[in-house]
Amino acid sequence: MAVCAALADDEIGALERIMTARRLDADETLVVEGESRKRVYSLTEGMLRLSMALPDGRRQITGFLLPGDYLGLADDEVYTASVEAVVPAALCSFPVREMDALIETYPRLKDRLFRFTRAALRQARENQVILGRLAPVEKLAAFLLALSRRMAENKMADNPVPLAMTRADIADYLGLTIETVSRSFTKLRNQGLIRLPDAHLVEIVDRRSLEAVAGTVA
């Protein structure tokens, strides 16, 4: 699922020549909102969270990146969000100028990044749908289903759904309080729609009913 997937040997070699490996500890910052965009990244291990600072000082998490996701396509001259590791993470780092040159040289690389752009747009639409739900339990149900779908798309186990992020992260993403998120988890569990083996694992027991709660059943 990474940027080098399905590329020819010469294309992969060209990528490797400009690539730098990067590792992050949990909660370590990769980029800060407003910084000059000098590098783009492909996540190969772990999870990243994207966030923006609100005028009142609060944090709004705008998304989570999974292994295979690409960071930097949606930005122009500066990074539009701060990026931190949720758990220890590994990335491939590429200078923007050199990557732009390779994109013009290798059409398959351009096509690959175009697919990443379309995926990012789909995720942005998903985010709007999730945040547009009225009830907290609807937001949480939609979030769990979206995360499960993304993990399946990225060739990862999609059920049980591993939740690397904390309840505080989920709250800041959904625009809720931690207490409300915890109550919503409990409500879905009591309804028999999910199981919670531990704080970082959610088993979807009744996907159809969970979709009904999220409002995604036709």
C-alpha atoms as a PDB file:
ATOM      1  CA  MET A   1       0.000   0.000   0.000  1.00  0.00           C
ATOM      2  CA  ALA A   2       3.024   2.314   0.290  1.00  0.00           C
ATOM      3  CA  VAL A   3       4.003   4.818  -2.387  1.00  0.00           C
ATOM      4  CA  CYS A   4       6.505   2.391  -3.944  1.00  0.00           C
ATOM      5  CA  ALA A   5       3.937  -0.365  -4.500  1.00  0.00           C
ATOM      6  CA  ALA A   6       3.503  -1.531  -8.102  1.00  0.00           C
ATOM      7  CA  LEU A   7       6.453   0.555  -9.329  1.00  0.00           C
ATOM      8  CA  ALA A   8       9.185  -0.858 -11.564  1.00  0.00           C
ATOM      9  CA  ASP A   9      12.660  -1.572 -10.191  1.00  0.00           C
ATOM     10  CA  ASP A  10      14.163   1.572 -11.703  1.00  0.00           C
ATOM     11  CA  GLU A  11      11.376   3.692 -10.227  1.00  0.00           C
ATOM     12  CA  ILE A  12      11.831   2.149  -6.789  1.00  0.00           C
ATOM     13  CA  GLY A  13      15.574   2.716  -7.077  1.00  0.00           C
ATOM     14  CA  ALA A  14      15.002   6.386  -7.899  1.00  0.00           C
ATOM     15  CA  LEU A  15      12.737   6.722  -4.858  1.00  0.00           C
ATOM     16  CA  GLU A  16      15.255   5.013  -2.590  1.00  0.00           C
ATOM     17  CA  ARG A  17      17.995   7.427  -3.664  1.00  0.00           C
ATOM     18  CA  ILE A  18      16.044  10.419  -2.330  1.00  0.00           C
ATOM     19  CA  MET A  19      14.454   8.610   0.632  1.00  0.00           C
ATOM     20  CA  THR A  20      15.350   9.017   4.293  1.00  0.00           C
ATOM     21  CA  ALA A  21      13.996   6.616   6.910  1.00  0.00           C
ATOM     22  CA  ARG A  22      12.386   8.295   9.902  1.00  0.00           C
ATOM     23  CA  ARG A  23      11.160   6.842  13.187  1.00  0.00           C
ATOM     24  CA  LEU A  24       8.952   8.576  15.760  1.00  0.00           C
ATOM     25  CA  ASP A  25       8.255   7.763  19.380  1.00  0.00           C
ATOM     26  CA  ALA A  26       4.685   7.864  20.666  1.00  0.00           C
ATOM     27  CA  ASP A  27       3.442  11.487  20.851  1.00  0.00           C
ATOM     28  CA  GLU A  28       6.535  12.776  19.024  1.00  0.00           C
ATOM     29  CA  THR A  29       5.806  15.622  16.587  1.00  0.00           C
ATOM     30  CA  LEU A  30       6.659  15.189  12.912  1.00  0.00           C
ATOM     31  CA  VAL A  31       5.527  18.575  11.562  1.00  0.00           C
ATOM     32  CA  VAL A  32       3.832  21.641  13.017  1.00  0.00           C
ATOM     33  CA  GLU A  33       0.891  23.436  11.441  1.00  0.00           C
ATOM     34  CA  GLY A  34       2.137  26.429   9.442  1.00  0.00           C
ATOM     35  CA  GLU A  35       5.681  25.111   8.934  1.00  0.00           C
ATOM     36  CA  SER A  36       7.169  25.320   5.456  1.00  0.00           C
ATOM     37  CA  ARG A  37       6.408  22.145   3.507  1.00  0.00           C
ATOM     38  CA  LYS A  38       9.808  20.724   2.611  1.00  0.00           C
ATOM     39  CA  ARG A  39       9.214  16.975   2.803  1.00  0.00           C
ATOM     40  CA  VAL A  40       6.454  14.467   2.107  1.00  0.00           C
ATOM     41  CA  TYR A  41       6.064  11.148   3.899  1.00  0.00           C
ATOM     42  CA  SER A  42       4.800   7.612   3.430  1.00  0.00           C
ATOM     43  CA  LEU A  43       3.774   5.909   6.672  1.00  0.00           C
ATOM     44  CA  THR A  44       4.966   2.294   6.873  1.00  0.00           C
ATOM     45  CA  GLU A  45       4.302   1.432  10.522  1.00  0.00           C
ATOM     46  CA  GLY A  46       2.236   2.816  13.410  1.00  0.00           C
ATOM     47  CA  MET A  47      -0.359   5.587  13.319  1.00  0.00           C
ATOM     48  CA  LEU A  48      -0.254   9.368  12.976  1.00  0.00           C
ATOM     49  CA  ARG A  49      -2.804  11.962  14.068  1.00  0.00           C
ATOM     50  CA  LEU A  50      -3.422  15.232  12.253  1.00  0.00           C
ATOM     51  CA  SER A  51      -4.620  18.201  14.289  1.00  0.00           C
ATOM     52  CA  MET A  52      -5.270  21.909  14.091  1.00  0.00           C
ATOM     53  CA  ALA A  53      -5.197  24.511  16.845  1.00  0.00           C
ATOM     54  CA  LEU A  54      -8.541  26.257  17.363  1.00  0.00           C
ATOM     55  CA  PRO A  55      -8.662  29.997  18.196  1.00  0.00           C
ATOM     56  CA  ASP A  56      -9.587  29.248  21.819  1.00  0.00           C
ATOM     57  CA  GLY A  57      -6.539  27.020  22.260  1.00  0.00           C
ATOM     58  CA  ARG A  58      -8.324  23.693  21.965  1.00  0.00           C
ATOM     59  CA  ARG A  59      -7.131  20.929  19.661  1.00  0.00           C
ATOM     60  CA  GLN A  60      -9.225  19.601  16.781  1.00  0.00           C
ATOM     61  CA  ILE A  61      -7.994  16.288  15.434  1.00  0.00           C
ATOM     62  CA  THR A  62      -8.771  16.176  11.712  1.00  0.00           C
ATOM     63  CA  GLY A  63      -7.734  12.621  10.915  1.00  0.00           C
ATOM     64  CA  PHE A  64      -5.606   9.560  11.544  1.00  0.00           C
ATOM     65  CA  LEU A  65      -3.108   8.068   9.102  1.00  0.00           C
ATOM     66  CA  LEU A  66      -2.534   4.315   8.774  1.00  0.00           C
ATOM     67  CA  PRO A  67       0.379   2.355   7.283  1.00  0.00           C
ATOM     68  CA  GLY A  68       0.322   2.898   3.529  1.00  0.00           C
ATOM     69  CA  ASP A  69      -1.054   6.442   3.803  1.00  0.00           C
ATOM     70  CA  TYR A  70       0.823   9.366   2.262  1.00  0.00           C
ATOM     71  CA  LEU A  71       1.324  12.698   4.027  1.00  0.00           C
ATOM     72  CA  GLY A  72       1.783  16.022   2.278  1.00  0.00           C
ATOM     73  CA  LEU A  73      -0.362  15.812  -0.862  1.00  0.00           C
ATOM     74  CA  ALA A  74      -3.077  18.112   0.470  1.00  0.00           C
ATOM     75  CA  ASP A  75      -0.608  20.822   1.493  1.00  0.00           C
ATOM     76  CA  ASP A  76       0.853  23.589  -0.648  1.00  0.00           C
ATOM     77  CA  GLU A  77       3.590  25.886   0.660  1.00  0.00           C
ATOM     78  CA  VAL A  78       3.017  25.056   4.331  1.00  0.00           C
ATOM     79  CA  TYR A  79       1.643  22.135   6.319  1.00  0.00           C
ATOM     80  CA  THR A  80      -2.021  22.735   7.089  1.00  0.00           C
ATOM     81  CA  ALA A  81      -2.029  20.495  10.169  1.00  0.00           C
ATOM     82  CA  SER A  82       0.310  19.386  12.918  1.00  0.00           C
ATOM     83  CA  VAL A  83       1.247  15.712  12.759  1.00  0.00           C
ATOM     84  CA  GLU A  84       2.178  13.522  15.722  1.00  0.00           C
ATOM     85  CA  ALA A  85       2.723   9.821  16.253  1.00  0.00           C
ATOM     86  CA  VAL A  86      -0.079   8.087  18.135  1.00  0.00           C
ATOM     87  CA  VAL A  87       2.201   5.094  18.760  1.00  0.00           C
ATOM     88  CA  PRO A  88       5.814   4.470  17.659  1.00  0.00           C
ATOM     89  CA  ALA A  89       5.866   4.976  13.899  1.00  0.00           C
ATOM     90  CA  ALA A  90       8.135   4.449  10.907  1.00  0.00           C
ATOM     91  CA  LEU A  91       8.068   6.578   7.762  1.00  0.00           C
ATOM     92  CA  CYS A  92       9.780   7.061   4.430  1.00  0.00           C
ATOM     93  CA  SER A  93      10.664  10.745   3.999  1.00  0.00           C
ATOM     94  CA  PHE A  94      11.161  12.451   0.616  1.00  0.00           C
ATOM     95  CA  PRO A  95      12.243  16.035  -0.217  1.00  0.00           C
ATOM     96  CA  VAL A  96       9.418  17.834  -2.019  1.00  0.00           C
ATOM     97  CA  ARG A  97      11.523  19.144  -4.907  1.00  0.00           C
ATOM     98  CA  GLU A  98      13.104  15.776  -5.681  1.00  0.00           C
ATOM     99  CA  MET A  99       9.756  13.999  -5.396  1.00  0.00           C
ATOM    100  CA  ASP A 100       8.116  16.507  -7.748  1.00  0.00           C
ATOM    101  CA  ALA A 101      10.899  15.859 -10.282  1.00  0.00           C
ATOM    102  CA  LEU A 102      10.385  12.090 -10.049  1.00  0.00           C
ATOM    103  CA  ILE A 103       6.632  12.502 -10.530  1.00  0.00           C
ATOM    104  CA  GLU A 104       7.290  14.232 -13.857  1.00  0.00           C
ATOM    105  CA  THR A 105       9.798  11.553 -14.862  1.00  0.00           C
ATOM    106  CA  TYR A 106       7.794   8.443 -13.974  1.00  0.00           C
ATOM    107  CA  PRO A 107       4.114   8.413 -15.045  1.00  0.00           C
ATOM    108  CA  ARG A 108       3.302   5.402 -12.850  1.00  0.00           C
ATOM    109  CA  LEU A 109       4.502   7.296  -9.802  1.00  0.00           C
ATOM    110  CA  LYS A 110       2.253  10.206 -10.776  1.00  0.00           C
ATOM    111  CA  ASP A 111      -0.675   7.793 -11.150  1.00  0.00           C
ATOM    112  CA  ARG A 112       0.112   6.284  -7.752  1.00  0.00           C
ATOM    113  CA  LEU A 113       0.059   9.692  -6.061  1.00  0.00           C
ATOM    114  CA  PHE A 114      -3.133  10.582  -7.908  1.00  0.00           C
ATOM    115  CA  ARG A 115      -4.756   7.522  -6.321  1.00  0.00           C
ATOM    116  CA  PHE A 116      -3.534   8.715  -2.940  1.00  0.00           C
ATOM    117  CA  THR A 117      -5.133  12.100  -3.634  1.00  0.00           C
ATOM    118  CA  ARG A 118      -8.481  10.478  -4.449  1.00  0.00           C
ATOM    119  CA  ALA A 119      -8.260   8.380  -1.282  1.00  0.00           C
ATOM    120  CA  ALA A 120      -7.555  11.519   0.769  1.00  0.00           C
ATOM    121  CA  LEU A 121     -10.626  13.188  -0.742  1.00  0.00           C
ATOM    122  CA  ARG A 122     -12.766  10.167   0.152  1.00  0.00           C
ATOM    123  CA  GLN A 123     -11.477  10.315   3.710  1.00  0.00           C
ATOM    124  CA  ALA A 124     -12.275  14.033   3.891  1.00  0.00           C
ATOM    125  CA  ARG A 125     -15.848  13.298   2.799  1.00  0.00           C
ATOM    126  CA  GLU A 126     -16.054  10.522   5.393  1.00  0.00           C
ATOM    127  CA  ASN A 127     -14.902  12.961   8.043  1.00  0.00           C
ATOM    128  CA  GLN A 128     -17.671  15.369   7.077  1.00  0.00           C
ATOM    129  CA  VAL A 129     -20.266  12.599   7.273  1.00  0.00           C
ATOM    130  CA  ILE A 130     -19.025  11.477  10.693  1.00  0.00           C
ATOM    131  CA  LEU A 131     -18.920  14.976  12.165  1.00  0.00           C
ATOM    132  CA  GLY A 132     -22.332  15.756  10.654  1.00  0.00           C
ATOM    133  CA  ARG A 133     -24.047  13.131  12.808  1.00  0.00           C
ATOM    134  CA  LEU A 134     -26.196  14.615  15.542  1.00  0.00           C
ATOM    135  CA  ALA A 135     -26.019  12.060  18.348  1.00  0.00           C
ATOM    136  CA  PRO A 136     -22.662  11.129  19.936  1.00  0.00           C
ATOM    137  CA  VAL A 137     -23.381   7.406  19.574  1.00  0.00           C
ATOM    138  CA  GLU A 138     -24.017   7.938  15.841  1.00  0.00           C
ATOM    139  CA  LYS A 139     -20.668   9.703  15.489  1.00  0.00           C
ATOM    140  CA  LEU A 140     -18.840   6.910  17.291  1.00  0.00           C
ATOM    141  CA  ALA A 141     -20.547   4.192  15.246  1.00  0.00           C
ATOM    142  CA  ALA A 142     -19.659   5.972  12.008  1.00  0.00           C
ATOM    143  CA  PHE A 143     -16.074   6.454  13.204  1.00  0.00           C
ATOM    144  CA  LEU A 144     -15.620   2.754  14.021  1.00  0.00           C
ATOM    145  CA  LEU A 145     -17.074   1.667  10.679  1.00  0.00           C
ATOM    146  CA  ALA A 146     -14.932   4.136   8.732  1.00  0.00           C
ATOM    147  CA  LEU A 147     -11.801   3.011  10.550  1.00  0.00           C
ATOM    148  CA  SER A 148     -12.644  -0.637   9.871  1.00  0.00           C
ATOM    149  CA  ARG A 149     -13.138   0.108   6.158  1.00  0.00           C
ATOM    150  CA  ARG A 150      -9.864   1.997   5.913  1.00  0.00           C
ATOM    151  CA  MET A 151      -7.970  -0.820   7.583  1.00  0.00           C
ATOM    152  CA  ALA A 152      -9.431  -3.298   5.102  1.00  0.00           C
ATOM    153  CA  GLU A 153      -8.464  -1.008   2.197  1.00  0.00           C
ATOM    154  CA  ASN A 154      -4.912  -0.785   3.578  1.00  0.00           C
ATOM    155  CA  LYS A 155      -4.681  -4.588   3.819  1.00  0.00           C
ATOM    156  CA  MET A 156      -4.890  -4.611   7.618  1.00  0.00           C
ATOM    157  CA  ALA A 157      -7.110  -6.642   9.961  1.00  0.00           C
ATOM    158  CA  ASP A 158     -10.437  -4.795  10.108  1.00  0.00           C
ATOM    159  CA  ASN A 159     -12.235  -6.731  12.870  1.00  0.00           C
ATOM    160  CA  PRO A 160     -11.543  -6.608  15.734  1.00  0.00           C
ATOM    161  CA  VAL A 161     -10.595  -2.976  15.092  1.00  0.00           C
ATOM    162  CA  PRO A 162      -7.400  -1.932  16.909  1.00  0.00           C
ATOM    163  CA  LEU A 163      -7.722   1.525  18.459  1.00  0.00           C
ATOM    164  CA  ALA A 164      -4.194   2.828  18.874  1.00  0.00           C
ATOM    165  CA  MET A 165      -5.532   6.268  19.759  1.00  0.00           C
ATOM    166  CA  THR A 166      -6.773   7.236  23.220  1.00  0.00           C
ATOM    167  CA  ARG A 167     -10.333   8.123  24.168  1.00  0.00           C
ATOM    168  CA  ALA A 168      -9.112  11.744  24.363  1.00  0.00           C
ATOM    169  CA  ASP A 169      -7.958  11.526  20.728  1.00  0.00           C
ATOM    170  CA  ILE A 170     -11.325  10.127  19.665  1.00  0.00           C
ATOM    171  CA  ALA A 171     -13.100  12.877  21.612  1.00  0.00           C
ATOM    172  CA  ASP A 172     -11.014  15.600  19.948  1.00  0.00           C
ATOM    173  CA  TYR A 173     -11.739  14.062  16.545  1.00  0.00           C
ATOM    174  CA  LEU A 174     -15.499  13.719  17.058  1.00  0.00           C
ATOM    175  CA  GLY A 175     -15.915  17.043  18.854  1.00  0.00           C
ATOM    176  CA  LEU A 176     -17.102  15.373  22.067  1.00  0.00           C
ATOM    177  CA  THR A 177     -15.938  15.096  25.656  1.00  0.00           C
ATOM    178  CA  ILE A 178     -14.039  12.043  26.868  1.00  0.00           C
ATOM    179  CA  GLU A 179     -16.949  11.180  29.159  1.00  0.00           C
ATOM    180  CA  THR A 180     -19.399  11.259  26.248  1.00  0.00           C
ATOM    181  CA  VAL A 181     -17.146   9.021  24.162  1.00  0.00           C
ATOM    182  CA  SER A 182     -16.908   6.517  27.032  1.00  0.00           C
ATOM    183  CA  ARG A 183     -20.704   6.523  27.488  1.00  0.00           C
ATOM    184  CA  SER A 184     -21.194   5.979  23.755  1.00  0.00           C
ATOM    185  CA  PHE A 185     -18.850   2.980  23.783  1.00  0.00           C
ATOM    186  CA  THR A 186     -20.799   1.572  26.722  1.00  0.00           C
ATOM    187  CA  LYS A 187     -24.116   2.119  24.956  1.00  0.00           C
ATOM    188  CA  LEU A 188     -22.970   0.308  21.797  1.00  0.00           C
ATOM    189  CA  ARG A 189     -21.596  -2.526  23.920  1.00  0.00           C
ATOM    190  CA  ASN A 190     -24.797  -2.845  25.962  1.00  0.00           C
ATOM    191  CA  GLN A 191     -26.804  -2.990  22.730  1.00  0.00           C
ATOM    192  CA  GLY A 192     -24.696  -5.976  21.677  1.00  0.00           C
ATOM    193  CA  LEU A 193     -23.258  -4.206  18.625  1.00  0.00           C
ATOM    194  CA  ILE A 194     -19.632  -4.263  19.761  1.00  0.00           C
ATOM    195  CA  ARG A 195     -17.400  -5.983  22.278  1.00  0.00           C
ATOM    196  CA  LEU A 196     -14.552  -4.286  24.114  1.00  0.00           C
ATOM    197  CA  PRO A 197     -11.866  -6.883  24.911  1.00  0.00           C
ATOM    198  CA  ASP A 198      -9.666  -4.015  26.140  1.00  0.00           C
ATOM    199  CA  ALA A 199      -9.390  -0.237  25.841  1.00  0.00           C
ATOM    200  CA  HIS A 200      -7.587  -0.448  22.495  1.00  0.00           C
ATOM    201  CA  LEU A 201      -9.616  -3.114  20.732  1.00  0.00           C
ATOM    202  CA  VAL A 202     -13.195  -3.076  19.435  1.00  0.00           C
ATOM    203  CA  GLU A 203     -14.874  -6.140  17.998  1.00  0.00           C
ATOM    204  CA  ILE A 204     -17.779  -5.333  15.690  1.00  0.00           C
ATOM    205  CA  VAL A 205     -20.390  -7.968  16.554  1.00  0.00           C
ATOM    206  CA  ASP A 206     -23.348  -6.750  14.473  1.00  0.00           C
ATOM    207  CA  ARG A 207     -22.084  -4.666  11.564  1.00  0.00           C
ATOM    208  CA  ARG A 208     -25.508  -4.234   9.990  1.00  0.00           C
ATOM    209  CA  SER A 209     -27.009  -2.830  13.175  1.00  0.00           C
ATOM    210  CA  LEU A 210     -23.948  -0.646  13.745  1.00  0.00           C
ATOM    211  CA  GLU A 211     -24.429   0.741  10.228  1.00  0.00           C
ATOM    212  CA  ALA A 212     -28.077   1.455  11.106  1.00  0.00           C
ATOM    213  CA  VAL A 213     -26.960   3.440  14.158  1.00  0.00           C
ATOM    214  CA  ALA A 214     -24.432   5.334  12.029  1.00  0.00           C
ATOM    215  CA  GLY A 215     -27.102   6.027   9.425  1.00  0.00           C
ATOM    216  CA  THR A 216     -25.210   4.319   6.611  1.00  0.00           C
ATOM    217  CA  VAL A 217     -27.702   1.530   5.861  1.00  0.00           C
ATOM    218  CA  ALA A 218     -29.616   2.194   2.644  1.00  0.00           C
END
